[in-house]
Amino acid sequence: MDAFKGFQKSLTSIGSQFQPLASRTLQYTKEQLGQVEDKTQLPPDYIDLEKRVDALKQVHQKMLAVTSHYSHEAYDYPPNIKETFQDLGRTVSEKVTLLSSATSPAEAQAALTAPPSAKPQPKTFPHAIARASLASSQALHQQHTGSGEDPLATALEKYALAMERVGEARLAQDAQIQSRFLAGWNTTLNTNLRFAARARANVEKARLNLDAVKARVKGTTFKFGASGHEGHDEAELSPEAQEEIEKAEDEFVTQTEEAVSVMKNVLDTPEPLRNLAELIAAQIEYHKKATEILGELQPVIEGLQTEQEDAYRKNRENA
């Protein structure tokens, strides 16, 4: 007997939850079919907030669709090059150190293909240029038969070392962008804006419930192909019906005020702008570092160029 009473209580609870949902669904269907003349309108200020929140969401989605590539190391890695495991085994700096102690072409080749000392090297465009430059430098060194060093080979080795440093600066930039920009904007999109969407959904639920209550207590019916009509004047409503409407109105007002507060908080927070400033700062730092590295290299390469031109001119004069 007790089990039966418990089952009845459970059914009653389910029914009490299902009835409002069914009423809201019915009200929504009537609105979609154009059978509702008296639909509760949201305040203009509220609608304006909704539009601004929607625009903010679109901004986050569009920007993240592009800037999320900072999370992928190889976003600028050339797709047409084929680097082997040995190519990626050691850093350019490590290979240059090993090459400096090589006394024969065989030892130089062994230095270039030395077993990896750590994880594979980064697949970035600057790192790829560095590895290609070092390999090119060694190809020239191995075939150089004259006195002294091949100037182009020397320049390529120095360029390789510089570009590896540029690549490391790019990775540092990416790490800063991931932690200081992407993390913040993803939080806004997936947390703050979701809170706003949930609050707006609660408003719509409360509005549908209010209009469903009004329709029910005023005697409107649902008919396909016909508009709803109020069967009774508001003055004829019973105290119980009036109380039910007022309760639904209070819930609608409460949810609207809550949603307004949440949306204003999302729109007013300075966090997205602060994150954007961090993105720009990381980019500036990277480009500044790259400029410094290449700026230090440029006069060295120009010096090698001048020396080679002078030597070339003397050889022509002697000839």
C-alpha atoms as a PDB file:
ATOM      1  CA  MET A   1       0.000   0.000   0.000  1.00  0.00           C
ATOM      2  CA  ASP A   2       2.809   2.355   0.928  1.00  0.00           C
ATOM      3  CA  ALA A   3       4.539   1.505  -2.331  1.00  0.00           C
ATOM      4  CA  PHE A   4       1.366   2.355  -4.259  1.00  0.00           C
ATOM      5  CA  LYS A   5       1.067   5.710  -2.464  1.00  0.00           C
ATOM      6  CA  GLY A   6       4.683   6.435  -3.292  1.00  0.00           C
ATOM      7  CA  PHE A   7       4.021   5.602  -6.924  1.00  0.00           C
ATOM      8  CA  GLN A   8       1.001   7.917  -6.946  1.00  0.00           C
ATOM      9  CA  LYS A   9       3.071  10.705  -5.380  1.00  0.00           C
ATOM     10  CA  SER A  10       5.758  10.180  -8.002  1.00  0.00           C
ATOM     11  CA  LEU A  11       3.201  10.405 -10.801  1.00  0.00           C
ATOM     12  CA  THR A  12       1.747  13.565  -9.260  1.00  0.00           C
ATOM     13  CA  SER A  13       5.220  15.118  -9.126  1.00  0.00           C
ATOM     14  CA  ILE A  14       5.931  14.215 -12.730  1.00  0.00           C
ATOM     15  CA  GLY A  15       2.555  15.598 -13.755  1.00  0.00           C
ATOM     16  CA  SER A  16       3.178  18.872 -11.945  1.00  0.00           C
ATOM     17  CA  GLN A  17       6.457  19.262 -13.818  1.00  0.00           C
ATOM     18  CA  PHE A  18       5.043  18.193 -17.162  1.00  0.00           C
ATOM     19  CA  GLN A  19       2.011  20.499 -17.133  1.00  0.00           C
ATOM     20  CA  PRO A  20       3.934  23.821 -17.239  1.00  0.00           C
ATOM     21  CA  LEU A  21       6.225  22.423 -19.934  1.00  0.00           C
ATOM     22  CA  ALA A  22       3.240  21.274 -21.984  1.00  0.00           C
ATOM     23  CA  SER A  23       1.582  24.661 -21.541  1.00  0.00           C
ATOM     24  CA  ARG A  24       4.688  26.501 -22.686  1.00  0.00           C
ATOM     25  CA  THR A  25       5.106  24.177 -25.655  1.00  0.00           C
ATOM     26  CA  LEU A  26       1.509  24.716 -26.645  1.00  0.00           C
ATOM     27  CA  GLN A  27       1.876  28.479 -26.289  1.00  0.00           C
ATOM     28  CA  TYR A  28       5.039  28.450 -28.403  1.00  0.00           C
ATOM     29  CA  THR A  29       3.303  26.400 -31.102  1.00  0.00           C
ATOM     30  CA  LYS A  30       0.363  28.796 -31.172  1.00  0.00           C
ATOM     31  CA  GLU A  31       2.726  31.742 -31.557  1.00  0.00           C
ATOM     32  CA  GLN A  32       4.560  30.067 -34.413  1.00  0.00           C
ATOM     33  CA  LEU A  33       1.248  29.416 -36.193  1.00  0.00           C
ATOM     34  CA  GLY A  34       0.127  33.022 -35.725  1.00  0.00           C
ATOM     35  CA  GLN A  35      -2.749  32.118 -33.395  1.00  0.00           C
ATOM     36  CA  VAL A  36      -1.759  34.586 -30.674  1.00  0.00           C
ATOM     37  CA  GLU A  37      -2.799  38.219 -30.717  1.00  0.00           C
ATOM     38  CA  ASP A  38      -1.796  39.253 -27.205  1.00  0.00           C
ATOM     39  CA  LYS A  39       1.866  38.329 -26.771  1.00  0.00           C
ATOM     40  CA  THR A  40       3.776  39.790 -23.840  1.00  0.00           C
ATOM     41  CA  GLN A  41       6.427  42.140 -25.223  1.00  0.00           C
ATOM     42  CA  LEU A  42       9.924  42.475 -23.835  1.00  0.00           C
ATOM     43  CA  PRO A  43      11.151  45.985 -22.922  1.00  0.00           C
ATOM     44  CA  PRO A  44      13.054  47.806 -25.722  1.00  0.00           C
ATOM     45  CA  ASP A  45      16.109  48.180 -23.457  1.00  0.00           C
ATOM     46  CA  TYR A  46      16.123  44.436 -22.906  1.00  0.00           C
ATOM     47  CA  ILE A  47      15.958  43.731 -26.641  1.00  0.00           C
ATOM     48  CA  ASP A  48      18.838  46.155 -27.182  1.00  0.00           C
ATOM     49  CA  LEU A  49      20.914  44.260 -24.613  1.00  0.00           C
ATOM     50  CA  GLU A  50      20.151  40.990 -26.390  1.00  0.00           C
ATOM     51  CA  LYS A  51      21.380  42.416 -29.712  1.00  0.00           C
ATOM     52  CA  ARG A  52      24.581  43.677 -28.118  1.00  0.00           C
ATOM     53  CA  VAL A  53      25.226  40.324 -26.440  1.00  0.00           C
ATOM     54  CA  ASP A  54      24.624  38.521 -29.752  1.00  0.00           C
ATOM     55  CA  ALA A  55      27.114  40.848 -31.444  1.00  0.00           C
ATOM     56  CA  LEU A  56      29.684  40.199 -28.702  1.00  0.00           C
ATOM     57  CA  LYS A  57      29.252  36.457 -29.149  1.00  0.00           C
ATOM     58  CA  GLN A  58      29.768  36.745 -32.913  1.00  0.00           C
ATOM     59  CA  VAL A  59      32.914  38.802 -32.330  1.00  0.00           C
ATOM     60  CA  HIS A  60      34.359  36.147 -30.029  1.00  0.00           C
ATOM     61  CA  GLN A  61      33.521  33.325 -32.418  1.00  0.00           C
ATOM     62  CA  LYS A  62      35.012  35.122 -35.425  1.00  0.00           C
ATOM     63  CA  MET A  63      38.214  36.189 -33.670  1.00  0.00           C
ATOM     64  CA  LEU A  64      38.764  32.810 -32.029  1.00  0.00           C
ATOM     65  CA  ALA A  65      38.245  31.036 -35.351  1.00  0.00           C
ATOM     66  CA  VAL A  66      41.408  32.806 -36.568  1.00  0.00           C
ATOM     67  CA  THR A  67      43.528  33.330 -33.455  1.00  0.00           C
ATOM     68  CA  SER A  68      43.053  29.759 -32.235  1.00  0.00           C
ATOM     69  CA  HIS A  69      45.750  28.865 -34.763  1.00  0.00           C
ATOM     70  CA  TYR A  70      48.257  30.227 -32.249  1.00  0.00           C
ATOM     71  CA  SER A  71      47.558  26.982 -30.391  1.00  0.00           C
ATOM     72  CA  HIS A  72      48.901  24.929 -33.303  1.00  0.00           C
ATOM     73  CA  GLU A  73      52.678  24.998 -33.499  1.00  0.00           C
ATOM     74  CA  ALA A  74      52.869  24.340 -37.240  1.00  0.00           C
ATOM     75  CA  TYR A  75      50.444  27.039 -38.385  1.00  0.00           C
ATOM     76  CA  ASP A  76      53.126  28.619 -40.603  1.00  0.00           C
ATOM     77  CA  TYR A  77      55.096  25.465 -41.384  1.00  0.00           C
ATOM     78  CA  PRO A  78      55.543  25.062 -45.175  1.00  0.00           C
ATOM     79  CA  PRO A  79      53.434  22.122 -46.364  1.00  0.00           C
ATOM     80  CA  ASN A  80      55.682  21.427 -49.347  1.00  0.00           C
ATOM     81  CA  ILE A  81      58.915  20.589 -47.500  1.00  0.00           C
ATOM     82  CA  LYS A  82      59.848  17.085 -46.417  1.00  0.00           C
ATOM     83  CA  GLU A  83      61.939  16.962 -43.264  1.00  0.00           C
ATOM     84  CA  THR A  84      63.094  13.650 -41.850  1.00  0.00           C
ATOM     85  CA  PHE A  85      63.305  12.489 -38.262  1.00  0.00           C
ATOM     86  CA  GLN A  86      67.043  13.173 -38.384  1.00  0.00           C
ATOM     87  CA  ASP A  87      66.413  16.707 -39.647  1.00  0.00           C
ATOM     88  CA  LEU A  88      64.278  17.349 -36.596  1.00  0.00           C
ATOM     89  CA  GLY A  89      66.510  15.490 -34.165  1.00  0.00           C
ATOM     90  CA  ARG A  90      68.647  18.300 -32.785  1.00  0.00           C
ATOM     91  CA  THR A  91      68.517  22.058 -32.607  1.00  0.00           C
ATOM     92  CA  VAL A  92      70.499  24.114 -35.080  1.00  0.00           C
ATOM     93  CA  SER A  93      72.629  25.383 -32.199  1.00  0.00           C
ATOM     94  CA  GLU A  94      73.488  21.829 -31.134  1.00  0.00           C
ATOM     95  CA  LYS A  95      74.384  20.864 -34.687  1.00  0.00           C
ATOM     96  CA  VAL A  96      76.615  23.927 -35.102  1.00  0.00           C
ATOM     97  CA  THR A  97      78.442  23.009 -31.889  1.00  0.00           C
ATOM     98  CA  LEU A  98      78.962  19.444 -33.111  1.00  0.00           C
ATOM     99  CA  LEU A  99      80.054  20.668 -36.535  1.00  0.00           C
ATOM    100  CA  SER A 100      82.644  22.999 -35.020  1.00  0.00           C
ATOM    101  CA  SER A 101      84.529  20.004 -33.666  1.00  0.00           C
ATOM    102  CA  ALA A 102      84.268  17.911 -36.850  1.00  0.00           C
ATOM    103  CA  THR A 103      87.596  17.307 -38.604  1.00  0.00           C
ATOM    104  CA  SER A 104      86.376  15.524 -41.713  1.00  0.00           C
ATOM    105  CA  PRO A 105      83.359  15.460 -44.033  1.00  0.00           C
ATOM    106  CA  ALA A 106      82.285  12.166 -42.458  1.00  0.00           C
ATOM    107  CA  GLU A 107      82.314  13.678 -38.985  1.00  0.00           C
ATOM    108  CA  ALA A 108      80.406  16.696 -40.271  1.00  0.00           C
ATOM    109  CA  GLN A 109      77.771  14.447 -41.796  1.00  0.00           C
ATOM    110  CA  ALA A 110      77.555  12.503 -38.550  1.00  0.00           C
ATOM    111  CA  ALA A 111      77.024  15.772 -36.677  1.00  0.00           C
ATOM    112  CA  LEU A 112      74.150  16.688 -38.966  1.00  0.00           C
ATOM    113  CA  THR A 113      72.485  13.318 -38.441  1.00  0.00           C
ATOM    114  CA  ALA A 114      73.300  12.892 -34.750  1.00  0.00           C
ATOM    115  CA  PRO A 115      70.638  11.076 -32.676  1.00  0.00           C
ATOM    116  CA  PRO A 116      68.072  13.363 -31.075  1.00  0.00           C
ATOM    117  CA  SER A 117      68.884  14.683 -27.628  1.00  0.00           C
ATOM    118  CA  ALA A 118      65.319  15.669 -26.751  1.00  0.00           C
ATOM    119  CA  LYS A 119      61.899  15.916 -28.333  1.00  0.00           C
ATOM    120  CA  PRO A 120      61.670  16.619 -32.088  1.00  0.00           C
ATOM    121  CA  GLN A 121      62.404  20.198 -33.028  1.00  0.00           C
ATOM    122  CA  PRO A 122      59.540  22.650 -33.637  1.00  0.00           C
ATOM    123  CA  LYS A 123      57.794  22.716 -36.971  1.00  0.00           C
ATOM    124  CA  THR A 124      57.615  26.463 -37.504  1.00  0.00           C
ATOM    125  CA  PHE A 125      58.542  28.481 -40.562  1.00  0.00           C
ATOM    126  CA  PRO A 126      61.556  30.172 -38.908  1.00  0.00           C
ATOM    127  CA  HIS A 127      62.822  26.829 -37.594  1.00  0.00           C
ATOM    128  CA  ALA A 128      62.402  25.289 -41.054  1.00  0.00           C
ATOM    129  CA  ILE A 129      64.400  28.153 -42.598  1.00  0.00           C
ATOM    130  CA  ALA A 130      67.086  27.657 -39.946  1.00  0.00           C
ATOM    131  CA  ARG A 131      67.418  23.943 -40.678  1.00  0.00           C
ATOM    132  CA  ALA A 132      67.458  24.502 -44.437  1.00  0.00           C
ATOM    133  CA  SER A 133      70.086  27.236 -44.062  1.00  0.00           C
ATOM    134  CA  LEU A 134      72.364  25.048 -41.951  1.00  0.00           C
ATOM    135  CA  ALA A 135      72.055  22.110 -44.344  1.00  0.00           C
ATOM    136  CA  SER A 136      72.820  24.445 -47.250  1.00  0.00           C
ATOM    137  CA  SER A 137      75.796  25.863 -45.399  1.00  0.00           C
ATOM    138  CA  GLN A 138      77.243  22.407 -44.855  1.00  0.00           C
ATOM    139  CA  ALA A 139      76.683  21.429 -48.485  1.00  0.00           C
ATOM    140  CA  LEU A 140      78.842  24.392 -49.506  1.00  0.00           C
ATOM    141  CA  HIS A 141      81.452  23.769 -46.801  1.00  0.00           C
ATOM    142  CA  GLN A 142      81.914  20.159 -47.861  1.00  0.00           C
ATOM    143  CA  GLN A 143      82.538  21.121 -51.480  1.00  0.00           C
ATOM    144  CA  HIS A 144      84.735  24.128 -50.707  1.00  0.00           C
ATOM    145  CA  THR A 145      88.327  23.545 -51.817  1.00  0.00           C
ATOM    146  CA  GLY A 146      89.810  27.007 -51.636  1.00  0.00           C
ATOM    147  CA  SER A 147      91.629  28.676 -48.769  1.00  0.00           C
ATOM    148  CA  GLY A 148      89.637  30.067 -45.896  1.00  0.00           C
ATOM    149  CA  GLU A 149      85.883  29.603 -45.605  1.00  0.00           C
ATOM    150  CA  ASP A 150      83.162  29.898 -48.187  1.00  0.00           C
ATOM    151  CA  PRO A 151      81.543  33.307 -47.415  1.00  0.00           C
ATOM    152  CA  LEU A 152      78.051  32.185 -48.436  1.00  0.00           C
ATOM    153  CA  ALA A 153      78.375  29.045 -46.331  1.00  0.00           C
ATOM    154  CA  THR A 154      79.446  31.131 -43.356  1.00  0.00           C
ATOM    155  CA  ALA A 155      76.595  33.572 -43.880  1.00  0.00           C
ATOM    156  CA  LEU A 156      74.040  30.754 -44.144  1.00  0.00           C
ATOM    157  CA  GLU A 157      75.232  29.226 -40.875  1.00  0.00           C
ATOM    158  CA  LYS A 158      74.920  32.550 -39.079  1.00  0.00           C
ATOM    159  CA  TYR A 159      71.490  33.057 -40.656  1.00  0.00           C
ATOM    160  CA  ALA A 160      70.461  29.581 -39.468  1.00  0.00           C
ATOM    161  CA  LEU A 161      71.379  30.412 -35.877  1.00  0.00           C
ATOM    162  CA  ALA A 162      69.515  33.719 -36.069  1.00  0.00           C
ATOM    163  CA  MET A 163      66.363  32.187 -37.539  1.00  0.00           C
ATOM    164  CA  GLU A 164      66.300  29.534 -34.852  1.00  0.00           C
ATOM    165  CA  ARG A 165      66.240  32.341 -32.287  1.00  0.00           C
ATOM    166  CA  VAL A 166      63.421  33.991 -34.239  1.00  0.00           C
ATOM    167  CA  GLY A 167      61.545  30.695 -34.150  1.00  0.00           C
ATOM    168  CA  GLU A 168      61.965  30.441 -30.394  1.00  0.00           C
ATOM    169  CA  ALA A 169      60.659  33.996 -30.065  1.00  0.00           C
ATOM    170  CA  ARG A 170      57.621  33.001 -32.130  1.00  0.00           C
ATOM    171  CA  LEU A 171      56.937  30.060 -29.828  1.00  0.00           C
ATOM    172  CA  ALA A 172      57.213  32.381 -26.816  1.00  0.00           C
ATOM    173  CA  GLN A 173      54.708  34.712 -28.480  1.00  0.00           C
ATOM    174  CA  ASP A 174      52.305  31.837 -29.069  1.00  0.00           C
ATOM    175  CA  ALA A 175      52.520  30.717 -25.451  1.00  0.00           C
ATOM    176  CA  GLN A 176      51.724  34.239 -24.244  1.00  0.00           C
ATOM    177  CA  ILE A 177      48.782  34.543 -26.627  1.00  0.00           C
ATOM    178  CA  GLN A 178      47.398  31.194 -25.526  1.00  0.00           C
ATOM    179  CA  SER A 179      47.510  32.079 -21.828  1.00  0.00           C
ATOM    180  CA  ARG A 180      46.716  35.795 -21.970  1.00  0.00           C
ATOM    181  CA  PHE A 181      44.294  36.072 -24.878  1.00  0.00           C
ATOM    182  CA  LEU A 182      42.837  32.758 -26.002  1.00  0.00           C
ATOM    183  CA  ALA A 183      42.142  31.529 -22.472  1.00  0.00           C
ATOM    184  CA  GLY A 184      40.300  34.730 -21.586  1.00  0.00           C
ATOM    185  CA  TRP A 185      38.223  34.908 -24.758  1.00  0.00           C
ATOM    186  CA  ASN A 186      37.312  31.236 -24.550  1.00  0.00           C
ATOM    187  CA  THR A 187      36.179  31.794 -20.966  1.00  0.00           C
ATOM    188  CA  THR A 188      33.994  34.705 -22.042  1.00  0.00           C
ATOM    189  CA  LEU A 189      32.505  32.675 -24.891  1.00  0.00           C
ATOM    190  CA  ASN A 190      32.012  29.389 -23.064  1.00  0.00           C
ATOM    191  CA  THR A 191      31.158  30.690 -19.600  1.00  0.00           C
ATOM    192  CA  ASN A 192      30.019  34.315 -19.414  1.00  0.00           C
ATOM    193  CA  LEU A 193      28.070  34.342 -22.661  1.00  0.00           C
ATOM    194  CA  ARG A 194      26.548  30.967 -21.802  1.00  0.00           C
ATOM    195  CA  PHE A 195      25.340  32.402 -18.493  1.00  0.00           C
ATOM    196  CA  ALA A 196      23.728  35.207 -20.471  1.00  0.00           C
ATOM    197  CA  ALA A 197      22.129  32.717 -22.885  1.00  0.00           C
ATOM    198  CA  ARG A 198      20.770  30.704 -19.967  1.00  0.00           C
ATOM    199  CA  ALA A 199      19.340  33.817 -18.327  1.00  0.00           C
ATOM    200  CA  ARG A 200      17.673  34.808 -21.618  1.00  0.00           C
ATOM    201  CA  ALA A 201      16.235  31.316 -21.965  1.00  0.00           C
ATOM    202  CA  ASN A 202      14.742  31.667 -18.486  1.00  0.00           C
ATOM    203  CA  VAL A 203      13.111  34.930 -19.547  1.00  0.00           C
ATOM    204  CA  GLU A 204      11.587  33.309 -22.613  1.00  0.00           C
ATOM    205  CA  LYS A 205      10.379  30.398 -20.495  1.00  0.00           C
ATOM    206  CA  ALA A 206       8.775  32.783 -17.998  1.00  0.00           C
ATOM    207  CA  ARG A 207       7.160  34.779 -20.809  1.00  0.00           C
ATOM    208  CA  LEU A 208       5.705  31.698 -22.460  1.00  0.00           C
ATOM    209  CA  ASN A 209       4.445  30.519 -19.101  1.00  0.00           C
ATOM    210  CA  LEU A 210       2.833  33.909 -18.417  1.00  0.00           C
ATOM    211  CA  ASP A 211       1.093  34.005 -21.785  1.00  0.00           C
ATOM    212  CA  ALA A 212       0.026  30.375 -21.405  1.00  0.00           C
ATOM    213  CA  VAL A 213      -1.531  31.173 -18.010  1.00  0.00           C
ATOM    214  CA  LYS A 214      -3.305  34.215 -19.449  1.00  0.00           C
ATOM    215  CA  ALA A 215      -4.644  32.173 -22.343  1.00  0.00           C
ATOM    216  CA  ARG A 216      -5.851  29.396 -20.079  1.00  0.00           C
ATOM    217  CA  VAL A 217      -7.574  31.466 -17.426  1.00  0.00           C
ATOM    218  CA  LYS A 218      -9.160  33.734 -20.024  1.00  0.00           C
ATOM    219  CA  GLY A 219     -10.621  30.743 -21.858  1.00  0.00           C
ATOM    220  CA  THR A 220      -8.678  30.784 -25.132  1.00  0.00           C
ATOM    221  CA  THR A 221      -8.386  27.541 -27.015  1.00  0.00           C
ATOM    222  CA  PHE A 222      -5.923  26.097 -29.503  1.00  0.00           C
ATOM    223  CA  LYS A 223      -7.322  25.646 -32.993  1.00  0.00           C
ATOM    224  CA  PHE A 224      -5.422  25.031 -36.220  1.00  0.00           C
ATOM    225  CA  GLY A 225      -6.089  27.706 -38.758  1.00  0.00           C
ATOM    226  CA  ALA A 226      -7.666  30.105 -36.286  1.00  0.00           C
ATOM    227  CA  SER A 227      -6.422  32.865 -34.020  1.00  0.00           C
ATOM    228  CA  GLY A 228      -6.840  32.710 -30.268  1.00  0.00           C
ATOM    229  CA  HIS A 229      -9.693  34.789 -28.837  1.00  0.00           C
ATOM    230  CA  GLU A 230     -10.190  35.892 -25.303  1.00  0.00           C
ATOM    231  CA  GLY A 231     -13.420  34.501 -23.956  1.00  0.00           C
ATOM    232  CA  HIS A 232     -13.685  36.734 -20.919  1.00  0.00           C
ATOM    233  CA  ASP A 233     -12.918  40.316 -19.996  1.00  0.00           C
ATOM    234  CA  GLU A 234     -10.116  40.725 -17.455  1.00  0.00           C
ATOM    235  CA  ALA A 235     -12.589  42.211 -15.009  1.00  0.00           C
ATOM    236  CA  GLU A 236     -14.490  38.906 -15.008  1.00  0.00           C
ATOM    237  CA  LEU A 237     -11.488  36.886 -13.859  1.00  0.00           C
ATOM    238  CA  SER A 238     -11.824  35.114 -10.545  1.00  0.00           C
ATOM    239  CA  PRO A 239      -9.502  36.088  -7.681  1.00  0.00           C
ATOM    240  CA  GLU A 240      -7.721  32.757  -8.085  1.00  0.00           C
ATOM    241  CA  ALA A 241      -7.159  33.356 -11.802  1.00  0.00           C
ATOM    242  CA  GLN A 242      -5.965  36.900 -11.191  1.00  0.00           C
ATOM    243  CA  GLU A 243      -3.556  35.628  -8.532  1.00  0.00           C
ATOM    244  CA  GLU A 244      -2.186  33.013 -10.920  1.00  0.00           C
ATOM    245  CA  ILE A 245      -1.538  35.658 -13.568  1.00  0.00           C
ATOM    246  CA  GLU A 246       0.143  37.967 -11.068  1.00  0.00           C
ATOM    247  CA  LYS A 247       2.376  35.133  -9.898  1.00  0.00           C
ATOM    248  CA  ALA A 248       3.418  34.405 -13.479  1.00  0.00           C
ATOM    249  CA  GLU A 249       3.996  38.130 -14.082  1.00  0.00           C
ATOM    250  CA  ASP A 250       6.203  38.373 -10.998  1.00  0.00           C
ATOM    251  CA  GLU A 251       8.282  35.432 -12.224  1.00  0.00           C
ATOM    252  CA  PHE A 252       8.601  37.046 -15.645  1.00  0.00           C
ATOM    253  CA  VAL A 253       9.735  40.342 -14.124  1.00  0.00           C
ATOM    254  CA  THR A 254      12.208  38.558 -11.836  1.00  0.00           C
ATOM    255  CA  GLN A 255      13.764  36.579 -14.669  1.00  0.00           C
ATOM    256  CA  THR A 256      13.930  39.672 -16.879  1.00  0.00           C
ATOM    257  CA  GLU A 257      15.708  41.689 -14.212  1.00  0.00           C
ATOM    258  CA  GLU A 258      18.133  38.822 -13.617  1.00  0.00           C
ATOM    259  CA  ALA A 259      18.888  38.527 -17.328  1.00  0.00           C
ATOM    260  CA  VAL A 260      19.415  42.279 -17.624  1.00  0.00           C
ATOM    261  CA  SER A 261      21.936  42.126 -14.781  1.00  0.00           C
ATOM    262  CA  VAL A 262      23.788  39.182 -16.313  1.00  0.00           C
ATOM    263  CA  MET A 263      23.905  40.712 -19.803  1.00  0.00           C
ATOM    264  CA  LYS A 264      25.115  44.077 -18.512  1.00  0.00           C
ATOM    265  CA  ASN A 265      27.843  42.337 -16.573  1.00  0.00           C
ATOM    266  CA  VAL A 266      28.983  40.474 -19.699  1.00  0.00           C
ATOM    267  CA  LEU A 267      28.935  43.647 -21.796  1.00  0.00           C
ATOM    268  CA  ASP A 268      30.591  45.902 -19.228  1.00  0.00           C
ATOM    269  CA  THR A 269      33.478  43.669 -18.151  1.00  0.00           C
ATOM    270  CA  PRO A 270      36.840  45.017 -19.407  1.00  0.00           C
ATOM    271  CA  GLU A 271      38.331  41.532 -19.616  1.00  0.00           C
ATOM    272  CA  PRO A 272      38.002  41.053 -23.428  1.00  0.00           C
ATOM    273  CA  LEU A 273      39.677  44.395 -24.087  1.00  0.00           C
ATOM    274  CA  ARG A 274      42.407  43.570 -21.580  1.00  0.00           C
ATOM    275  CA  ASN A 275      42.942  40.233 -23.322  1.00  0.00           C
ATOM    276  CA  LEU A 276      43.153  41.976 -26.701  1.00  0.00           C
ATOM    277  CA  ALA A 277      45.802  44.321 -25.322  1.00  0.00           C
ATOM    278  CA  GLU A 278      47.765  41.254 -24.187  1.00  0.00           C
ATOM    279  CA  LEU A 279      47.506  39.765 -27.691  1.00  0.00           C
ATOM    280  CA  ILE A 280      48.941  42.928 -29.216  1.00  0.00           C
ATOM    281  CA  ALA A 281      51.682  43.117 -26.588  1.00  0.00           C
ATOM    282  CA  ALA A 282      52.747  39.539 -27.347  1.00  0.00           C
ATOM    283  CA  GLN A 283      52.852  40.292 -31.075  1.00  0.00           C
ATOM    284  CA  ILE A 284      54.874  43.452 -30.507  1.00  0.00           C
ATOM    285  CA  GLU A 285      57.333  41.609 -28.297  1.00  0.00           C
ATOM    286  CA  TYR A 286      57.820  38.910 -30.926  1.00  0.00           C
ATOM    287  CA  HIS A 287      58.306  41.300 -33.839  1.00  0.00           C
ATOM    288  CA  LYS A 288      60.611  43.471 -31.749  1.00  0.00           C
ATOM    289  CA  LYS A 289      62.708  40.454 -30.820  1.00  0.00           C
ATOM    290  CA  ALA A 290      62.815  39.247 -34.427  1.00  0.00           C
ATOM    291  CA  THR A 291      63.861  42.723 -35.571  1.00  0.00           C
ATOM    292  CA  GLU A 292      66.641  42.826 -32.976  1.00  0.00           C
ATOM    293  CA  ILE A 293      67.961  39.393 -33.963  1.00  0.00           C
ATOM    294  CA  LEU A 294      67.959  40.108 -37.691  1.00  0.00           C
ATOM    295  CA  GLY A 295      69.209  43.642 -37.092  1.00  0.00           C
ATOM    296  CA  GLU A 296      72.289  42.235 -35.355  1.00  0.00           C
ATOM    297  CA  LEU A 297      72.814  39.759 -38.184  1.00  0.00           C
ATOM    298  CA  GLN A 298      72.426  42.163 -41.091  1.00  0.00           C
ATOM    299  CA  PRO A 299      75.740  44.080 -40.694  1.00  0.00           C
ATOM    300  CA  VAL A 300      77.592  40.790 -40.268  1.00  0.00           C
ATOM    301  CA  ILE A 301      76.172  39.456 -43.551  1.00  0.00           C
ATOM    302  CA  GLU A 302      76.830  42.780 -45.258  1.00  0.00           C
ATOM    303  CA  GLY A 303      80.420  42.623 -44.002  1.00  0.00           C
ATOM    304  CA  LEU A 304      80.856  39.176 -45.533  1.00  0.00           C
ATOM    305  CA  GLN A 305      79.322  40.489 -48.751  1.00  0.00           C
ATOM    306  CA  THR A 306      81.724  43.442 -48.853  1.00  0.00           C
ATOM    307  CA  GLU A 307      84.740  41.182 -48.252  1.00  0.00           C
ATOM    308  CA  GLN A 308      83.671  38.841 -51.041  1.00  0.00           C
ATOM    309  CA  GLU A 309      83.078  41.727 -53.438  1.00  0.00           C
ATOM    310  CA  ASP A 310      86.514  43.150 -52.646  1.00  0.00           C
ATOM    311  CA  ALA A 311      88.146  39.776 -53.192  1.00  0.00           C
ATOM    312  CA  TYR A 312      86.234  39.285 -56.411  1.00  0.00           C
ATOM    313  CA  ARG A 313      87.296  42.718 -57.674  1.00  0.00           C
ATOM    314  CA  LYS A 314      90.977  42.081 -56.846  1.00  0.00           C
ATOM    315  CA  ASN A 315      90.901  38.743 -58.629  1.00  0.00           C
ATOM    316  CA  ARG A 316      89.454  40.385 -61.720  1.00  0.00           C
ATOM    317  CA  GLU A 317      92.096  43.118 -61.618  1.00  0.00           C
ATOM    318  CA  ASN A 318      94.918  40.596 -61.239  1.00  0.00           C
ATOM    319  CA  ALA A 319      93.489  38.540 -64.088  1.00  0.00           C
END
